[in-house]
Amino acid sequence: MRSRGILLALVLVVALVLAGAGLYALFSSMIDLPANRAIMAGNLGGKTLQASQVVFAPPRPEDAPADIREGVMLGYHILMDTQTYAKEYVGNKLNCRNCHFNAGRERNTLSLVGVAATYPKYRKRQKYVTDLVTRTQGCFQRSMNGKPLPPEGRHMQAIMAYYHWISKGLPIYADIPWLGLKKLAEDHKPDRASGQKIFSQVCARCHGGDGLGTEIAPPLWGPASFNDGAGMHKLKNFSAFTHHFMPKNNPTLTVEQAWDVAAFATSQPRPHFQAAR
C-alpha cells in the first residue's frame, strides 16, 4: 500500500510540472514583450530593429559624464583642430573636420556618429577584421599623411572616448543609414579637361586656383594634401564626396560634373603613401 501511495504521488508531481510548463509557454507566446524582441534583433545584427531605435541625435561633447568629459573633449578638439592637438602625428595641412564636418557630428558629411557601434568590421584593404583603433591609425597615415597614434596613448584613447560618446544610445551592429559614403552611378566617363574648367569656376574660390588650399579650405593636392593611399584619392570616393557635400553647405555639382572634377583633382601630384615600419 505504501509503495502504491508513493507511486501516485510521483505521478501527480510530474503531471503538475508538465501542466505548469505548458501554461508558461502559452502565456509567454501571448505576451512576447517588445523589449525582448528588440534585444533579440540587436543580437541578430540590427536588421529588424525598429526605425525609431536608430535616430541621429548625437549628444554634445561637453555633456559627457564628468569622469570621461576631459577625454571626450580632447577627442573632439583633435578632430576639429588636428594641426594643434595632434600635430606630431600629422604630415600635411589637413584637419579631420575637413572630411568629417563638425568633428563628424553632422549627418550631411562623413559622419562619425555610430562608428563605435559598428566596429570591429571586415575591411577589404586589410582583408580581415579591423577595429576602430586600427581604422583611425590608417586615417592618420593616409588622409593626414602622418604616422599612427599609439593605441594606448592619450590622443588615441581620447578619440575613442569621443567616438563612443557621440554613438551613445545606438544599437550595436544596427543598420545605421547615415554612415559611409553613397557612391555615384558609374555610367559617365570622367573628363579631366571638363573637370579642370569646373574646378576653376566652382572650387578654386575656396581651395585656391592652384588647388593648394587657402585659409578657408584645405589643399586638394600637392605636398600638403592627403597622400595617394587615402580613400579620398580614389575616384569613386572623391566624386561622391564632391557631389554630396561640395561646395560646403551648398552642394550644386551634377553627378557628371562631380566625376569630371574628381578625375582632374585625383590626377594631380600628391605625396606617396609609405606604410609605417
C-alpha atoms as a PDB file:
ATOM      1  CA  MET A   1       0.000   0.000   0.000  1.00  0.00           C
ATOM      2  CA  ARG A   2       2.799   2.386   0.920  1.00  0.00           C
ATOM      3  CA  SER A   3       4.534   1.775  -2.468  1.00  0.00           C
ATOM      4  CA  ARG A   4       1.286   2.435  -4.311  1.00  0.00           C
ATOM      5  CA  GLY A   5       0.881   5.754  -2.473  1.00  0.00           C
ATOM      6  CA  ILE A   6       4.405   6.871  -3.319  1.00  0.00           C
ATOM      7  CA  LEU A   7       3.866   5.987  -6.973  1.00  0.00           C
ATOM      8  CA  LEU A   8       0.623   8.001  -7.126  1.00  0.00           C
ATOM      9  CA  ALA A   9       2.368  10.981  -5.518  1.00  0.00           C
ATOM     10  CA  LEU A  10       5.163  10.900  -8.111  1.00  0.00           C
ATOM     11  CA  VAL A  11       2.636  10.716 -10.948  1.00  0.00           C
ATOM     12  CA  LEU A  12       0.816  13.745  -9.527  1.00  0.00           C
ATOM     13  CA  VAL A  13       4.047  15.769  -9.228  1.00  0.00           C
ATOM     14  CA  VAL A  14       5.033  15.010 -12.829  1.00  0.00           C
ATOM     15  CA  ALA A  15       1.571  15.971 -14.055  1.00  0.00           C
ATOM     16  CA  LEU A  16       1.711  19.280 -12.204  1.00  0.00           C
ATOM     17  CA  VAL A  17       5.179  20.080 -13.615  1.00  0.00           C
ATOM     18  CA  LEU A  18       4.064  19.362 -17.179  1.00  0.00           C
ATOM     19  CA  ALA A  19       0.931  21.442 -16.771  1.00  0.00           C
ATOM     20  CA  GLY A  20       2.940  24.353 -15.374  1.00  0.00           C
ATOM     21  CA  ALA A  21       5.402  24.235 -18.254  1.00  0.00           C
ATOM     22  CA  GLY A  22       2.564  24.235 -20.753  1.00  0.00           C
ATOM     23  CA  LEU A  23       0.887  27.249 -19.161  1.00  0.00           C
ATOM     24  CA  TYR A  24       4.211  29.157 -19.057  1.00  0.00           C
ATOM     25  CA  ALA A  25       4.833  28.527 -22.762  1.00  0.00           C
ATOM     26  CA  LEU A  26       1.276  29.582 -23.604  1.00  0.00           C
ATOM     27  CA  PHE A  27       1.414  32.865 -21.699  1.00  0.00           C
ATOM     28  CA  SER A  28       4.953  33.625 -22.904  1.00  0.00           C
ATOM     29  CA  SER A  29       3.885  33.330 -26.530  1.00  0.00           C
ATOM     30  CA  MET A  30       0.897  35.595 -25.861  1.00  0.00           C
ATOM     31  CA  ILE A  31       2.939  38.286 -24.093  1.00  0.00           C
ATOM     32  CA  ASP A  32       6.161  38.323 -26.235  1.00  0.00           C
ATOM     33  CA  LEU A  33       7.305  41.683 -24.875  1.00  0.00           C
ATOM     34  CA  PRO A  34       8.586  44.226 -27.473  1.00  0.00           C
ATOM     35  CA  ALA A  35      11.626  44.841 -25.307  1.00  0.00           C
ATOM     36  CA  ASN A  36      12.635  41.203 -25.684  1.00  0.00           C
ATOM     37  CA  ARG A  37      12.165  41.436 -29.436  1.00  0.00           C
ATOM     38  CA  ALA A  38      14.412  44.493 -29.562  1.00  0.00           C
ATOM     39  CA  ILE A  39      17.134  42.657 -27.665  1.00  0.00           C
ATOM     40  CA  MET A  40      16.899  39.678 -29.993  1.00  0.00           C
ATOM     41  CA  ALA A  41      17.004  41.955 -33.047  1.00  0.00           C
ATOM     42  CA  GLY A  42      20.100  43.667 -31.739  1.00  0.00           C
ATOM     43  CA  ASN A  43      21.828  40.310 -31.364  1.00  0.00           C
ATOM     44  CA  LEU A  44      20.982  39.478 -34.981  1.00  0.00           C
ATOM     45  CA  GLY A  45      22.888  42.407 -36.412  1.00  0.00           C
ATOM     46  CA  GLY A  46      20.122  45.010 -36.129  1.00  0.00           C
ATOM     47  CA  LYS A  47      18.409  44.064 -39.389  1.00  0.00           C
ATOM     48  CA  THR A  48      14.940  44.020 -37.830  1.00  0.00           C
ATOM     49  CA  LEU A  49      15.313  46.871 -35.350  1.00  0.00           C
ATOM     50  CA  GLN A  50      12.500  49.400 -35.178  1.00  0.00           C
ATOM     51  CA  ALA A  51      13.283  52.570 -37.150  1.00  0.00           C
ATOM     52  CA  SER A  52      12.698  54.644 -34.012  1.00  0.00           C
ATOM     53  CA  GLN A  53      15.664  52.934 -32.348  1.00  0.00           C
ATOM     54  CA  VAL A  54      18.144  54.291 -34.901  1.00  0.00           C
ATOM     55  CA  VAL A  55      17.944  58.070 -34.759  1.00  0.00           C
ATOM     56  CA  PHE A  56      20.533  60.765 -35.441  1.00  0.00           C
ATOM     57  CA  ALA A  57      20.784  62.593 -32.134  1.00  0.00           C
ATOM     58  CA  PRO A  58      24.445  62.802 -31.084  1.00  0.00           C
ATOM     59  CA  PRO A  59      24.973  64.224 -27.593  1.00  0.00           C
ATOM     60  CA  ARG A  60      27.162  67.291 -27.155  1.00  0.00           C
ATOM     61  CA  PRO A  61      30.768  66.539 -26.178  1.00  0.00           C
ATOM     62  CA  GLU A  62      30.515  68.899 -23.208  1.00  0.00           C
ATOM     63  CA  ASP A  63      27.599  66.872 -21.844  1.00  0.00           C
ATOM     64  CA  ALA A  64      29.717  63.751 -21.351  1.00  0.00           C
ATOM     65  CA  PRO A  65      29.855  62.351 -17.784  1.00  0.00           C
ATOM     66  CA  ALA A  66      32.356  64.093 -15.567  1.00  0.00           C
ATOM     67  CA  ASP A  67      34.721  61.125 -15.339  1.00  0.00           C
ATOM     68  CA  ILE A  68      35.213  60.940 -19.133  1.00  0.00           C
ATOM     69  CA  ARG A  69      34.455  64.533 -20.151  1.00  0.00           C
ATOM     70  CA  GLU A  70      38.103  65.595 -20.373  1.00  0.00           C
ATOM     71  CA  GLY A  71      38.877  62.712 -22.732  1.00  0.00           C
ATOM     72  CA  VAL A  72      35.775  63.267 -24.853  1.00  0.00           C
ATOM     73  CA  MET A  73      36.554  66.969 -25.182  1.00  0.00           C
ATOM     74  CA  LEU A  74      40.157  66.251 -26.160  1.00  0.00           C
ATOM     75  CA  GLY A  75      38.951  63.804 -28.805  1.00  0.00           C
ATOM     76  CA  TYR A  76      36.567  66.447 -30.134  1.00  0.00           C
ATOM     77  CA  HIS A  77      39.343  69.055 -30.291  1.00  0.00           C
ATOM     78  CA  ILE A  78      41.699  66.644 -32.055  1.00  0.00           C
ATOM     79  CA  LEU A  79      39.154  66.117 -34.826  1.00  0.00           C
ATOM     80  CA  MET A  80      38.313  69.803 -35.087  1.00  0.00           C
ATOM     81  CA  ASP A  81      41.867  71.168 -34.915  1.00  0.00           C
ATOM     82  CA  THR A  82      44.196  68.270 -35.633  1.00  0.00           C
ATOM     83  CA  GLN A  83      47.010  70.638 -36.548  1.00  0.00           C
ATOM     84  CA  THR A  84      47.105  71.924 -32.968  1.00  0.00           C
ATOM     85  CA  TYR A  85      46.054  68.988 -30.811  1.00  0.00           C
ATOM     86  CA  ALA A  86      47.843  66.138 -32.625  1.00  0.00           C
ATOM     87  CA  LYS A  87      50.366  67.965 -34.789  1.00  0.00           C
ATOM     88  CA  GLU A  88      53.148  65.482 -34.049  1.00  0.00           C
ATOM     89  CA  TYR A  89      51.179  62.806 -35.915  1.00  0.00           C
ATOM     90  CA  VAL A  90      50.193  64.916 -38.946  1.00  0.00           C
ATOM     91  CA  GLY A  91      52.271  65.344 -42.110  1.00  0.00           C
ATOM     92  CA  ASN A  92      50.097  67.775 -44.093  1.00  0.00           C
ATOM     93  CA  LYS A  93      47.837  70.804 -43.604  1.00  0.00           C
ATOM     94  CA  LEU A  94      44.557  68.961 -43.164  1.00  0.00           C
ATOM     95  CA  ASN A  95      42.316  68.597 -40.130  1.00  0.00           C
ATOM     96  CA  CYS A  96      39.956  65.670 -39.571  1.00  0.00           C
ATOM     97  CA  ARG A  97      36.989  68.062 -39.824  1.00  0.00           C
ATOM     98  CA  ASN A  98      37.806  68.723 -43.482  1.00  0.00           C
ATOM     99  CA  CYS A  99      36.021  65.464 -44.298  1.00  0.00           C
ATOM    100  CA  HIS A 100      34.161  64.907 -41.021  1.00  0.00           C
ATOM    101  CA  PHE A 101      32.377  68.249 -40.663  1.00  0.00           C
ATOM    102  CA  ASN A 102      31.943  69.457 -37.089  1.00  0.00           C
ATOM    103  CA  ALA A 103      34.061  66.538 -35.880  1.00  0.00           C
ATOM    104  CA  GLY A 104      31.712  64.058 -37.539  1.00  0.00           C
ATOM    105  CA  ARG A 105      28.622  65.278 -35.668  1.00  0.00           C
ATOM    106  CA  GLU A 106      26.781  66.387 -38.817  1.00  0.00           C
ATOM    107  CA  ARG A 107      24.614  63.997 -40.782  1.00  0.00           C
ATOM    108  CA  ASN A 108      25.383  65.548 -44.183  1.00  0.00           C
ATOM    109  CA  THR A 109      29.059  64.659 -44.152  1.00  0.00           C
ATOM    110  CA  LEU A 110      31.226  61.639 -43.488  1.00  0.00           C
ATOM    111  CA  SER A 111      29.518  61.239 -40.137  1.00  0.00           C
ATOM    112  CA  LEU A 112      31.190  59.521 -37.208  1.00  0.00           C
ATOM    113  CA  VAL A 113      28.014  59.189 -35.174  1.00  0.00           C
ATOM    114  CA  GLY A 114      27.583  55.461 -34.687  1.00  0.00           C
ATOM    115  CA  VAL A 115      31.034  54.241 -35.719  1.00  0.00           C
ATOM    116  CA  ALA A 116      31.628  52.913 -32.227  1.00  0.00           C
ATOM    117  CA  ALA A 117      28.566  50.686 -32.674  1.00  0.00           C
ATOM    118  CA  THR A 118      29.722  49.220 -35.998  1.00  0.00           C
ATOM    119  CA  TYR A 119      33.325  48.190 -35.312  1.00  0.00           C
ATOM    120  CA  PRO A 120      35.089  45.771 -35.434  1.00  0.00           C
ATOM    121  CA  LYS A 121      34.206  45.130 -39.080  1.00  0.00           C
ATOM    122  CA  TYR A 122      35.681  43.432 -42.119  1.00  0.00           C
ATOM    123  CA  ARG A 123      37.832  45.757 -44.245  1.00  0.00           C
ATOM    124  CA  LYS A 124      38.771  44.903 -47.823  1.00  0.00           C
ATOM    125  CA  ARG A 125      42.046  46.790 -47.501  1.00  0.00           C
ATOM    126  CA  GLN A 126      43.272  44.510 -44.720  1.00  0.00           C
ATOM    127  CA  LYS A 127      41.252  41.523 -45.938  1.00  0.00           C
ATOM    128  CA  TYR A 128      40.467  40.894 -42.298  1.00  0.00           C
ATOM    129  CA  VAL A 129      38.520  42.230 -39.347  1.00  0.00           C
ATOM    130  CA  THR A 130      39.651  45.727 -38.275  1.00  0.00           C
ATOM    131  CA  ASP A 131      38.935  47.521 -35.027  1.00  0.00           C
ATOM    132  CA  LEU A 132      38.312  51.240 -34.638  1.00  0.00           C
ATOM    133  CA  VAL A 133      41.814  51.976 -33.360  1.00  0.00           C
ATOM    134  CA  THR A 134      43.400  50.440 -36.460  1.00  0.00           C
ATOM    135  CA  ARG A 135      40.928  52.254 -38.699  1.00  0.00           C
ATOM    136  CA  THR A 136      41.807  55.594 -37.094  1.00  0.00           C
ATOM    137  CA  GLN A 137      45.530  54.916 -37.369  1.00  0.00           C
ATOM    138  CA  GLY A 138      45.013  54.349 -41.091  1.00  0.00           C
ATOM    139  CA  CYS A 139      43.377  57.753 -41.429  1.00  0.00           C
ATOM    140  CA  PHE A 140      46.370  59.443 -39.831  1.00  0.00           C
ATOM    141  CA  GLN A 141      48.795  57.562 -42.066  1.00  0.00           C
ATOM    142  CA  ARG A 142      46.872  58.170 -45.283  1.00  0.00           C
ATOM    143  CA  SER A 143      44.483  61.104 -45.124  1.00  0.00           C
ATOM    144  CA  MET A 144      46.734  63.067 -42.773  1.00  0.00           C
ATOM    145  CA  ASN A 145      49.926  61.779 -44.467  1.00  0.00           C
ATOM    146  CA  GLY A 146      51.303  61.277 -40.977  1.00  0.00           C
ATOM    147  CA  LYS A 147      52.034  58.471 -38.567  1.00  0.00           C
ATOM    148  CA  PRO A 148      49.793  56.230 -36.441  1.00  0.00           C
ATOM    149  CA  LEU A 149      48.863  57.285 -32.945  1.00  0.00           C
ATOM    150  CA  PRO A 150      49.984  54.846 -30.212  1.00  0.00           C
ATOM    151  CA  PRO A 151      46.927  52.700 -29.342  1.00  0.00           C
ATOM    152  CA  GLU A 152      47.298  53.206 -25.601  1.00  0.00           C
ATOM    153  CA  GLY A 153      48.346  56.846 -25.885  1.00  0.00           C
ATOM    154  CA  ARG A 154      46.396  59.834 -24.623  1.00  0.00           C
ATOM    155  CA  HIS A 155      45.406  61.029 -28.100  1.00  0.00           C
ATOM    156  CA  MET A 156      44.001  57.741 -29.354  1.00  0.00           C
ATOM    157  CA  GLN A 157      42.162  56.991 -26.135  1.00  0.00           C
ATOM    158  CA  ALA A 158      40.587  60.451 -26.250  1.00  0.00           C
ATOM    159  CA  ILE A 159      39.411  59.882 -29.832  1.00  0.00           C
ATOM    160  CA  MET A 160      37.936  56.514 -28.822  1.00  0.00           C
ATOM    161  CA  ALA A 161      36.131  58.143 -25.891  1.00  0.00           C
ATOM    162  CA  TYR A 162      34.700  60.745 -28.260  1.00  0.00           C
ATOM    163  CA  TYR A 163      33.570  58.122 -30.805  1.00  0.00           C
ATOM    164  CA  HIS A 164      31.771  56.157 -28.105  1.00  0.00           C
ATOM    165  CA  TRP A 165      30.138  59.184 -26.539  1.00  0.00           C
ATOM    166  CA  ILE A 166      28.629  60.523 -29.786  1.00  0.00           C
ATOM    167  CA  SER A 167      27.446  56.972 -30.580  1.00  0.00           C
ATOM    168  CA  LYS A 168      25.571  56.817 -27.267  1.00  0.00           C
ATOM    169  CA  GLY A 169      22.242  55.017 -27.475  1.00  0.00           C
ATOM    170  CA  LEU A 170      22.702  53.455 -30.907  1.00  0.00           C
ATOM    171  CA  PRO A 171      22.263  49.651 -31.013  1.00  0.00           C
ATOM    172  CA  ILE A 172      25.362  47.547 -31.570  1.00  0.00           C
ATOM    173  CA  TYR A 173      25.664  46.455 -35.218  1.00  0.00           C
ATOM    174  CA  ALA A 174      22.410  48.099 -36.198  1.00  0.00           C
ATOM    175  CA  ASP A 175      21.922  49.314 -39.757  1.00  0.00           C
ATOM    176  CA  ILE A 176      22.920  52.975 -39.344  1.00  0.00           C
ATOM    177  CA  PRO A 177      21.784  54.668 -42.573  1.00  0.00           C
ATOM    178  CA  TRP A 178      23.902  57.816 -42.440  1.00  0.00           C
ATOM    179  CA  LEU A 179      27.279  56.091 -42.144  1.00  0.00           C
ATOM    180  CA  GLY A 180      29.551  55.718 -45.154  1.00  0.00           C
ATOM    181  CA  LEU A 181      29.616  57.461 -48.498  1.00  0.00           C
ATOM    182  CA  LYS A 182      26.907  56.766 -51.055  1.00  0.00           C
ATOM    183  CA  LYS A 183      28.690  56.143 -54.348  1.00  0.00           C
ATOM    184  CA  LEU A 184      27.561  57.627 -57.661  1.00  0.00           C
ATOM    185  CA  ALA A 185      26.346  55.784 -60.735  1.00  0.00           C
ATOM    186  CA  GLU A 186      29.270  54.885 -62.995  1.00  0.00           C
ATOM    187  CA  ASP A 187      27.606  55.442 -66.363  1.00  0.00           C
ATOM    188  CA  HIS A 188      29.606  58.616 -67.095  1.00  0.00           C
ATOM    189  CA  LYS A 189      33.142  58.639 -68.471  1.00  0.00           C
ATOM    190  CA  PRO A 190      35.088  61.241 -66.462  1.00  0.00           C
ATOM    191  CA  ASP A 191      36.562  64.114 -68.479  1.00  0.00           C
ATOM    192  CA  ARG A 192      39.643  65.729 -66.913  1.00  0.00           C
ATOM    193  CA  ALA A 193      39.566  68.765 -69.217  1.00  0.00           C
ATOM    194  CA  SER A 194      35.965  69.457 -68.238  1.00  0.00           C
ATOM    195  CA  GLY A 195      36.909  68.860 -64.601  1.00  0.00           C
ATOM    196  CA  GLN A 196      39.644  71.472 -64.783  1.00  0.00           C
ATOM    197  CA  LYS A 197      37.150  74.068 -66.009  1.00  0.00           C
ATOM    198  CA  ILE A 198      34.680  73.171 -63.294  1.00  0.00           C
ATOM    199  CA  PHE A 199      37.421  73.404 -60.696  1.00  0.00           C
ATOM    200  CA  SER A 200      38.357  76.913 -61.874  1.00  0.00           C
ATOM    201  CA  GLN A 201      34.729  78.051 -61.895  1.00  0.00           C
ATOM    202  CA  VAL A 202      33.474  76.448 -58.682  1.00  0.00           C
ATOM    203  CA  CYS A 203      36.219  75.019 -56.478  1.00  0.00           C
ATOM    204  CA  ALA A 204      39.084  77.485 -56.850  1.00  0.00           C
ATOM    205  CA  ARG A 205      37.321  80.218 -54.896  1.00  0.00           C
ATOM    206  CA  CYS A 206      37.845  78.185 -51.709  1.00  0.00           C
ATOM    207  CA  HIS A 207      40.683  75.758 -52.467  1.00  0.00           C
ATOM    208  CA  GLY A 208      42.774  78.214 -54.480  1.00  0.00           C
ATOM    209  CA  GLY A 209      43.433  78.356 -58.199  1.00  0.00           C
ATOM    210  CA  ASP A 210      46.432  76.081 -57.739  1.00  0.00           C
ATOM    211  CA  GLY A 211      44.497  73.616 -55.549  1.00  0.00           C
ATOM    212  CA  LEU A 212      46.975  74.097 -52.718  1.00  0.00           C
ATOM    213  CA  GLY A 213      44.418  75.406 -50.274  1.00  0.00           C
ATOM    214  CA  THR A 214      43.515  78.711 -48.657  1.00  0.00           C
ATOM    215  CA  GLU A 215      42.654  79.924 -45.184  1.00  0.00           C
ATOM    216  CA  ILE A 216      39.101  78.635 -45.588  1.00  0.00           C
ATOM    217  CA  ALA A 217      39.632  75.306 -47.359  1.00  0.00           C
ATOM    218  CA  PRO A 218      42.304  72.571 -47.395  1.00  0.00           C
ATOM    219  CA  PRO A 219      44.684  71.671 -50.235  1.00  0.00           C
ATOM    220  CA  LEU A 220      43.303  69.090 -52.651  1.00  0.00           C
ATOM    221  CA  TRP A 221      46.706  68.067 -54.000  1.00  0.00           C
ATOM    222  CA  GLY A 222      50.352  68.934 -53.602  1.00  0.00           C
ATOM    223  CA  PRO A 223      52.767  68.213 -50.732  1.00  0.00           C
ATOM    224  CA  ALA A 224      50.383  69.451 -48.025  1.00  0.00           C
ATOM    225  CA  SER A 225      47.394  67.291 -49.047  1.00  0.00           C
ATOM    226  CA  PHE A 226      46.385  63.668 -48.446  1.00  0.00           C
ATOM    227  CA  ASN A 227      48.613  61.018 -49.980  1.00  0.00           C
ATOM    228  CA  ASP A 228      47.833  58.530 -52.737  1.00  0.00           C
ATOM    229  CA  GLY A 229      46.937  55.844 -50.190  1.00  0.00           C
ATOM    230  CA  ALA A 230      43.991  57.813 -48.796  1.00  0.00           C
ATOM    231  CA  GLY A 231      40.438  56.794 -49.517  1.00  0.00           C
ATOM    232  CA  MET A 232      39.733  60.229 -50.971  1.00  0.00           C
ATOM    233  CA  HIS A 233      42.348  59.616 -53.649  1.00  0.00           C
ATOM    234  CA  LYS A 234      40.034  57.012 -55.153  1.00  0.00           C
ATOM    235  CA  LEU A 235      37.978  58.475 -57.970  1.00  0.00           C
ATOM    236  CA  LYS A 236      34.717  56.916 -56.735  1.00  0.00           C
ATOM    237  CA  ASN A 237      35.136  58.435 -53.266  1.00  0.00           C
ATOM    238  CA  PHE A 238      36.269  61.897 -54.384  1.00  0.00           C
ATOM    239  CA  SER A 239      33.396  62.174 -56.860  1.00  0.00           C
ATOM    240  CA  ALA A 240      30.771  61.049 -54.327  1.00  0.00           C
ATOM    241  CA  PHE A 241      32.045  63.403 -51.624  1.00  0.00           C
ATOM    242  CA  THR A 242      32.118  66.289 -54.086  1.00  0.00           C
ATOM    243  CA  HIS A 243      28.612  65.654 -55.376  1.00  0.00           C
ATOM    244  CA  HIS A 244      27.013  65.177 -51.960  1.00  0.00           C
ATOM    245  CA  PHE A 245      28.832  67.834 -49.922  1.00  0.00           C
ATOM    246  CA  MET A 246      30.601  70.395 -52.138  1.00  0.00           C
ATOM    247  CA  PRO A 247      30.588  73.348 -52.166  1.00  0.00           C
ATOM    248  CA  LYS A 248      30.251  73.035 -48.415  1.00  0.00           C
ATOM    249  CA  ASN A 249      26.736  73.724 -47.157  1.00  0.00           C
ATOM    250  CA  ASN A 250      25.557  74.285 -50.732  1.00  0.00           C
ATOM    251  CA  PRO A 251      26.309  71.240 -52.940  1.00  0.00           C
ATOM    252  CA  THR A 252      25.470  72.140 -56.531  1.00  0.00           C
ATOM    253  CA  LEU A 253      27.511  69.919 -58.848  1.00  0.00           C
ATOM    254  CA  THR A 254      25.746  67.372 -61.016  1.00  0.00           C
ATOM    255  CA  VAL A 255      26.860  63.744 -60.950  1.00  0.00           C
ATOM    256  CA  GLU A 256      28.696  64.234 -64.247  1.00  0.00           C
ATOM    257  CA  GLN A 257      30.440  67.392 -63.018  1.00  0.00           C
ATOM    258  CA  ALA A 258      31.482  65.628 -59.822  1.00  0.00           C
ATOM    259  CA  TRP A 259      33.041  62.766 -61.804  1.00  0.00           C
ATOM    260  CA  ASP A 260      34.878  65.235 -64.045  1.00  0.00           C
ATOM    261  CA  VAL A 261      36.314  67.406 -61.278  1.00  0.00           C
ATOM    262  CA  ALA A 262      37.293  64.285 -59.325  1.00  0.00           C
ATOM    263  CA  ALA A 263      39.161  62.954 -62.348  1.00  0.00           C
ATOM    264  CA  PHE A 264      41.047  66.233 -62.607  1.00  0.00           C
ATOM    265  CA  ALA A 265      41.851  66.580 -58.895  1.00  0.00           C
ATOM    266  CA  THR A 266      42.956  62.976 -58.348  1.00  0.00           C
ATOM    267  CA  SER A 267      45.277  63.188 -61.350  1.00  0.00           C
ATOM    268  CA  GLN A 268      47.323  65.939 -59.710  1.00  0.00           C
ATOM    269  CA  PRO A 269      50.604  65.250 -57.857  1.00  0.00           C
ATOM    270  CA  ARG A 270      50.455  64.372 -54.174  1.00  0.00           C
ATOM    271  CA  PRO A 271      52.598  62.531 -51.585  1.00  0.00           C
ATOM    272  CA  HIS A 272      53.129  58.804 -51.990  1.00  0.00           C
ATOM    273  CA  PHE A 273      51.877  56.574 -49.198  1.00  0.00           C
ATOM    274  CA  GLN A 274      54.575  54.685 -47.308  1.00  0.00           C
ATOM    275  CA  ALA A 275      53.474  52.142 -44.743  1.00  0.00           C
ATOM    276  CA  ALA A 276      54.809  52.661 -41.237  1.00  0.00           C
ATOM    277  CA  ARG A 277      57.559  50.296 -40.206  1.00  0.00           C
END
